[in-house]
All heavy atoms as atom14 arrays in JSON, in Angstrom:
{
  "sequence": "SDNLMGYRGDLTVNLVITTLIIAGGLGFFV",
  "atom14_mask": [
    [1, 1, 1, 1, 1, 1, 0, 0, 0, 0, 0, 0, 0, 0],
    [1, 1, 1, 1, 1, 1, 1, 1, 0, 0, 0, 0, 0, 0],
    [1, 1, 1, 1, 1, 1, 1, 1, 0, 0, 0, 0, 0, 0],
    [1, 1, 1, 1, 1, 1, 1, 1, 0, 0, 0, 0, 0, 0],
    [1, 1, 1, 1, 1, 1, 1, 1, 0, 0, 0, 0, 0, 0],
    [1, 1, 1, 1, 0, 0, 0, 0, 0, 0, 0, 0, 0, 0],
    [1, 1, 1, 1, 1, 1, 1, 1, 1, 1, 1, 1, 0, 0],
    [1, 1, 1, 1, 1, 1, 1, 1, 1, 1, 1, 0, 0, 0],
    [1, 1, 1, 1, 0, 0, 0, 0, 0, 0, 0, 0, 0, 0],
    [1, 1, 1, 1, 1, 1, 1, 1, 0, 0, 0, 0, 0, 0],
    [1, 1, 1, 1, 1, 1, 1, 1, 0, 0, 0, 0, 0, 0],
    [1, 1, 1, 1, 1, 1, 1, 0, 0, 0, 0, 0, 0, 0],
    [1, 1, 1, 1, 1, 1, 1, 0, 0, 0, 0, 0, 0, 0],
    [1, 1, 1, 1, 1, 1, 1, 1, 0, 0, 0, 0, 0, 0],
    [1, 1, 1, 1, 1, 1, 1, 1, 0, 0, 0, 0, 0, 0],
    [1, 1, 1, 1, 1, 1, 1, 0, 0, 0, 0, 0, 0, 0],
    [1, 1, 1, 1, 1, 1, 1, 1, 0, 0, 0, 0, 0, 0],
    [1, 1, 1, 1, 1, 1, 1, 0, 0, 0, 0, 0, 0, 0],
    [1, 1, 1, 1, 1, 1, 1, 0, 0, 0, 0, 0, 0, 0],
    [1, 1, 1, 1, 1, 1, 1, 1, 0, 0, 0, 0, 0, 0],
    [1, 1, 1, 1, 1, 1, 1, 1, 0, 0, 0, 0, 0, 0],
    [1, 1, 1, 1, 1, 1, 1, 1, 0, 0, 0, 0, 0, 0],
    [1, 1, 1, 1, 1, 0, 0, 0, 0, 0, 0, 0, 0, 0],
    [1, 1, 1, 1, 0, 0, 0, 0, 0, 0, 0, 0, 0, 0],
    [1, 1, 1, 1, 0, 0, 0, 0, 0, 0, 0, 0, 0, 0],
    [1, 1, 1, 1, 1, 1, 1, 1, 0, 0, 0, 0, 0, 0],
    [1, 1, 1, 1, 0, 0, 0, 0, 0, 0, 0, 0, 0, 0],
    [1, 1, 1, 1, 1, 1, 1, 1, 1, 1, 1, 0, 0, 0],
    [1, 1, 1, 1, 1, 1, 1, 1, 1, 1, 1, 0, 0, 0],
    [1, 1, 1, 1, 1, 1, 1, 0, 0, 0, 0, 0, 0, 0]
  ],
  "atom14_positions": [
    [[0.82, -1.22, 0.0], [0.0, 0.0, 0.0], [0.85, 1.26, 0.0], [0.41, 2.31, -0.49], [-0.94, 0.01, 1.21], [-0.2, -0.04, 2.43], [0.0, 0.0, 0.0], [0.0, 0.0, 0.0], [0.0, 0.0, 0.0], [0.0, 0.0, 0.0], [0.0, 0.0, 0.0], [0.0, 0.0, 0.0], [0.0, 0.0, 0.0], [0.0, 0.0, 0.0]],
    [[2.08, 1.17, 0.54], [2.96, 2.33, 0.55], [4.05, 2.21, -0.52], [5.1, 2.83, -0.43], [3.61, 2.52, 1.92], [4.47, 1.33, 2.34], [4.43, 0.29, 1.64], [5.18, 1.43, 3.35], [0.0, 0.0, 0.0], [0.0, 0.0, 0.0], [0.0, 0.0, 0.0], [0.0, 0.0, 0.0], [0.0, 0.0, 0.0], [0.0, 0.0, 0.0]],
    [[3.75, 1.41, -1.57], [4.69, 1.16, -2.65], [5.95, 0.52, -2.08], [5.87, -0.53, -1.47], [5.01, 2.45, -3.42], [5.36, 2.18, -4.87], [6.36, 1.57, -5.17], [4.51, 2.65, -5.78], [0.0, 0.0, 0.0], [0.0, 0.0, 0.0], [0.0, 0.0, 0.0], [0.0, 0.0, 0.0], [0.0, 0.0, 0.0], [0.0, 0.0, 0.0]],
    [[7.14, 1.15, -2.2], [8.38, 0.57, -1.65], [8.96, 1.43, -0.53], [10.14, 1.32, -0.21], [9.42, 0.4, -2.76], [9.08, -0.6, -3.86], [10.19, -0.65, -4.91], [8.84, -1.99, -3.28], [0.0, 0.0, 0.0], [0.0, 0.0, 0.0], [0.0, 0.0, 0.0], [0.0, 0.0, 0.0], [0.0, 0.0, 0.0], [0.0, 0.0, 0.0]],
    [[8.13, 2.24, 0.09], [8.61, 3.11, 1.17], [9.12, 2.3, 2.36], [10.01, 2.74, 3.09], [7.51, 4.08, 1.6], [7.16, 5.11, 0.54], [5.8, 6.21, 1.02], [6.51, 7.03, 2.46], [0.0, 0.0, 0.0], [0.0, 0.0, 0.0], [0.0, 0.0, 0.0], [0.0, 0.0, 0.0], [0.0, 0.0, 0.0], [0.0, 0.0, 0.0]],
    [[8.57, 1.12, 2.56], [9.02, 0.27, 3.65], [10.42, -0.28, 3.44], [11.04, -0.78, 4.38], [0.0, 0.0, 0.0], [0.0, 0.0, 0.0], [0.0, 0.0, 0.0], [0.0, 0.0, 0.0], [0.0, 0.0, 0.0], [0.0, 0.0, 0.0], [0.0, 0.0, 0.0], [0.0, 0.0, 0.0], [0.0, 0.0, 0.0], [0.0, 0.0, 0.0]],
    [[10.92, -0.21, 2.2], [12.26, -0.71, 1.88], [13.22, 0.43, 1.53], [14.22, 0.22, 0.86], [12.17, -1.68, 0.69], [11.37, -2.91, 0.98], [10.0, -2.95, 0.7], [11.96, -4.05, 1.54], [9.25, -4.08, 0.98], [11.22, -5.18, 1.81], [9.86, -5.2, 1.52], [9.12, -6.31, 1.79], [0.0, 0.0, 0.0], [0.0, 0.0, 0.0]],
    [[12.91, 1.61, 2.02], [13.69, 2.81, 1.69], [15.17, 2.65, 2.02], [16.03, 3.11, 1.29], [13.11, 4.0, 2.45], [13.78, 5.33, 2.19], [13.03, 6.42, 2.92], [12.85, 6.08, 4.33], [11.79, 6.43, 5.06], [10.83, 7.14, 4.5], [11.7, 6.09, 6.33], [0.0, 0.0, 0.0], [0.0, 0.0, 0.0], [0.0, 0.0, 0.0]],
    [[15.48, 1.99, 3.11], [16.87, 1.84, 3.53], [17.48, 0.5, 3.17], [18.63, 0.23, 3.55], [0.0, 0.0, 0.0], [0.0, 0.0, 0.0], [0.0, 0.0, 0.0], [0.0, 0.0, 0.0], [0.0, 0.0, 0.0], [0.0, 0.0, 0.0], [0.0, 0.0, 0.0], [0.0, 0.0, 0.0], [0.0, 0.0, 0.0], [0.0, 0.0, 0.0]],
    [[16.75, -0.34, 2.48], [17.24, -1.67, 2.11], [18.09, -1.57, 0.85], [17.58, -1.34, -0.25], [16.05, -2.62, 1.88], [16.48, -4.07, 1.79], [17.39, -4.37, 0.98], [15.92, -4.91, 2.5], [0.0, 0.0, 0.0], [0.0, 0.0, 0.0], [0.0, 0.0, 0.0], [0.0, 0.0, 0.0], [0.0, 0.0, 0.0], [0.0, 0.0, 0.0]],
    [[19.4, -1.74, 0.98], [20.32, -1.58, -0.14], [20.04, -2.59, -1.24], [20.05, -2.24, -2.43], [21.76, -1.71, 0.35], [22.86, -1.47, -0.69], [22.8, -0.04, -1.21], [24.24, -1.77, -0.09], [0.0, 0.0, 0.0], [0.0, 0.0, 0.0], [0.0, 0.0, 0.0], [0.0, 0.0, 0.0], [0.0, 0.0, 0.0], [0.0, 0.0, 0.0]],
    [[19.79, -3.85, -0.86], [19.57, -4.9, -1.86], [18.34, -4.61, -2.71], [18.39, -4.65, -3.94], [19.42, -6.27, -1.18], [20.58, -6.56, -0.42], [19.2, -7.36, -2.21], [0.0, 0.0, 0.0], [0.0, 0.0, 0.0], [0.0, 0.0, 0.0], [0.0, 0.0, 0.0], [0.0, 0.0, 0.0], [0.0, 0.0, 0.0], [0.0, 0.0, 0.0]],
    [[17.23, -4.31, -2.05], [15.98, -4.03, -2.78], [16.15, -2.82, -3.69], [15.76, -2.84, -4.86], [14.81, -3.81, -1.79], [13.58, -3.31, -2.55], [14.49, -5.1, -1.05], [0.0, 0.0, 0.0], [0.0, 0.0, 0.0], [0.0, 0.0, 0.0], [0.0, 0.0, 0.0], [0.0, 0.0, 0.0], [0.0, 0.0, 0.0], [0.0, 0.0, 0.0]],
    [[16.76, -1.77, -3.17], [16.94, -0.54, -3.95], [17.81, -0.77, -5.18], [17.48, -0.33, -6.29], [17.55, 0.56, -3.08], [16.52, 1.29, -2.25], [16.08, 2.38, -2.61], [16.13, 0.68, -1.14], [0.0, 0.0, 0.0], [0.0, 0.0, 0.0], [0.0, 0.0, 0.0], [0.0, 0.0, 0.0], [0.0, 0.0, 0.0], [0.0, 0.0, 0.0]],
    [[18.94, -1.44, -5.0], [19.85, -1.65, -6.12], [19.28, -2.6, -7.16], [19.45, -2.4, -8.37], [21.2, -2.16, -5.61], [22.03, -1.16, -4.79], [23.37, -1.77, -4.41], [22.23, 0.14, -5.56], [0.0, 0.0, 0.0], [0.0, 0.0, 0.0], [0.0, 0.0, 0.0], [0.0, 0.0, 0.0], [0.0, 0.0, 0.0], [0.0, 0.0, 0.0]],
    [[18.61, -3.66, -6.71], [18.02, -4.62, -7.64], [16.91, -3.95, -8.46], [16.87, -4.05, -9.7], [17.46, -5.84, -6.9], [16.6, -6.7, -7.84], [18.59, -6.68, -6.33], [0.0, 0.0, 0.0], [0.0, 0.0, 0.0], [0.0, 0.0, 0.0], [0.0, 0.0, 0.0], [0.0, 0.0, 0.0], [0.0, 0.0, 0.0], [0.0, 0.0, 0.0]],
    [[16.02, -3.23, -7.79], [14.9, -2.59, -8.47], [15.39, -1.51, -9.44], [14.96, -1.44, -10.6], [13.91, -1.97, -7.46], [13.23, -3.07, -6.63], [12.85, -1.13, -8.18], [12.36, -4.01, -7.43], [0.0, 0.0, 0.0], [0.0, 0.0, 0.0], [0.0, 0.0, 0.0], [0.0, 0.0, 0.0], [0.0, 0.0, 0.0], [0.0, 0.0, 0.0]],
    [[16.32, -0.65, -8.98], [16.8, 0.42, -9.85], [17.58, -0.14, -11.04], [17.5, 0.41, -12.15], [17.68, 1.41, -9.08], [18.73, 0.7, -8.4], [16.85, 2.19, -8.07], [0.0, 0.0, 0.0], [0.0, 0.0, 0.0], [0.0, 0.0, 0.0], [0.0, 0.0, 0.0], [0.0, 0.0, 0.0], [0.0, 0.0, 0.0], [0.0, 0.0, 0.0]],
    [[18.34, -1.2, -10.83], [19.09, -1.81, -11.94], [18.14, -2.37, -13.0], [18.37, -2.21, -14.21], [20.01, -2.93, -11.43], [20.95, -2.38, -10.49], [20.78, -3.57, -12.58], [0.0, 0.0, 0.0], [0.0, 0.0, 0.0], [0.0, 0.0, 0.0], [0.0, 0.0, 0.0], [0.0, 0.0, 0.0], [0.0, 0.0, 0.0], [0.0, 0.0, 0.0]],
    [[17.06, -3.01, -12.55], [16.07, -3.53, -13.49], [15.36, -2.4, -14.23], [15.1, -2.5, -15.44], [15.04, -4.38, -12.73], [15.54, -5.73, -12.21], [14.5, -6.36, -11.29], [15.85, -6.66, -13.37], [0.0, 0.0, 0.0], [0.0, 0.0, 0.0], [0.0, 0.0, 0.0], [0.0, 0.0, 0.0], [0.0, 0.0, 0.0], [0.0, 0.0, 0.0]],
    [[15.07, -1.31, -13.53], [14.42, -0.15, -14.16], [15.31, 0.42, -15.25], [14.87, 0.69, -16.37], [14.11, 0.93, -13.11], [13.01, 0.45, -12.15], [13.67, 2.22, -13.79], [12.82, 1.36, -10.94], [0.0, 0.0, 0.0], [0.0, 0.0, 0.0], [0.0, 0.0, 0.0], [0.0, 0.0, 0.0], [0.0, 0.0, 0.0], [0.0, 0.0, 0.0]],
    [[16.58, 0.62, -14.91], [17.54, 1.2, -15.88], [17.72, 0.27, -17.07], [17.74, 0.72, -18.23], [18.88, 1.47, -15.19], [18.72, 2.56, -14.13], [19.93, 1.89, -16.21], [19.93, 2.73, -13.22], [0.0, 0.0, 0.0], [0.0, 0.0, 0.0], [0.0, 0.0, 0.0], [0.0, 0.0, 0.0], [0.0, 0.0, 0.0], [0.0, 0.0, 0.0]],
    [[17.85, -1.04, -16.81], [18.04, -2.0, -17.89], [16.85, -2.0, -18.84], [17.02, -2.01, -20.07], [18.26, -3.4, -17.32], [0.0, 0.0, 0.0], [0.0, 0.0, 0.0], [0.0, 0.0, 0.0], [0.0, 0.0, 0.0], [0.0, 0.0, 0.0], [0.0, 0.0, 0.0], [0.0, 0.0, 0.0], [0.0, 0.0, 0.0], [0.0, 0.0, 0.0]],
    [[15.65, -1.99, -18.3], [14.46, -1.97, -19.14], [14.34, -0.67, -19.92], [13.9, -0.66, -21.07], [0.0, 0.0, 0.0], [0.0, 0.0, 0.0], [0.0, 0.0, 0.0], [0.0, 0.0, 0.0], [0.0, 0.0, 0.0], [0.0, 0.0, 0.0], [0.0, 0.0, 0.0], [0.0, 0.0, 0.0], [0.0, 0.0, 0.0], [0.0, 0.0, 0.0]],
    [[14.76, 0.43, -19.29], [14.65, 1.74, -19.94], [15.7, 1.99, -21.0], [15.5, 2.83, -21.89], [0.0, 0.0, 0.0], [0.0, 0.0, 0.0], [0.0, 0.0, 0.0], [0.0, 0.0, 0.0], [0.0, 0.0, 0.0], [0.0, 0.0, 0.0], [0.0, 0.0, 0.0], [0.0, 0.0, 0.0], [0.0, 0.0, 0.0], [0.0, 0.0, 0.0]],
    [[16.84, 1.31, -20.94], [17.9, 1.52, -21.93], [17.48, 1.08, -23.33], [17.9, 1.66, -24.32], [19.17, 0.75, -21.52], [20.0, 1.34, -20.39], [21.16, 0.41, -20.05], [20.53, 2.73, -20.75], [0.0, 0.0, 0.0], [0.0, 0.0, 0.0], [0.0, 0.0, 0.0], [0.0, 0.0, 0.0], [0.0, 0.0, 0.0], [0.0, 0.0, 0.0]],
    [[16.67, 0.06, -23.4], [16.24, -0.44, -24.71], [17.0, -1.7, -25.08], [18.17, -1.86, -24.75], [0.0, 0.0, 0.0], [0.0, 0.0, 0.0], [0.0, 0.0, 0.0], [0.0, 0.0, 0.0], [0.0, 0.0, 0.0], [0.0, 0.0, 0.0], [0.0, 0.0, 0.0], [0.0, 0.0, 0.0], [0.0, 0.0, 0.0], [0.0, 0.0, 0.0]],
    [[16.34, -2.59, -25.78], [16.93, -3.89, -26.11], [18.08, -3.77, -27.11], [19.02, -4.56, -27.08], [15.85, -4.84, -26.64], [14.79, -5.14, -25.62], [13.54, -4.54, -25.68], [15.07, -6.01, -24.57], [12.58, -4.81, -24.72], [14.1, -6.28, -23.61], [12.86, -5.68, -23.68], [0.0, 0.0, 0.0], [0.0, 0.0, 0.0], [0.0, 0.0, 0.0]],
    [[18.04, -2.77, -27.98], [19.14, -2.58, -28.92], [20.41, -2.21, -28.17], [21.5, -2.72, -28.47], [18.78, -1.48, -29.93], [19.89, -1.16, -30.89], [20.11, -1.96, -32.01], [20.74, -0.08, -30.67], [21.15, -1.67, -32.89], [21.77, 0.2, -31.54], [21.98, -0.59, -32.66], [0.0, 0.0, 0.0], [0.0, 0.0, 0.0], [0.0, 0.0, 0.0]],
    [[20.29, -1.31, -27.19], [21.45, -0.89, -26.4], [21.95, -2.05, -25.54], [23.16, -2.27, -25.45], [21.09, 0.32, -25.52], [22.26, 0.67, -24.59], [20.73, 1.52, -26.38], [0.0, 0.0, 0.0], [0.0, 0.0, 0.0], [0.0, 0.0, 0.0], [0.0, 0.0, 0.0], [0.0, 0.0, 0.0], [0.0, 0.0, 0.0], [0.0, 0.0, 0.0]]
  ]
}
């Protein structure tokens, strides 16, 4: 219900999620 605010300080969750976001946003050609 609070999205990922409960994991604000969790390094693993933050890095995994942001890496997946960036990878998806770069595009398959890149």
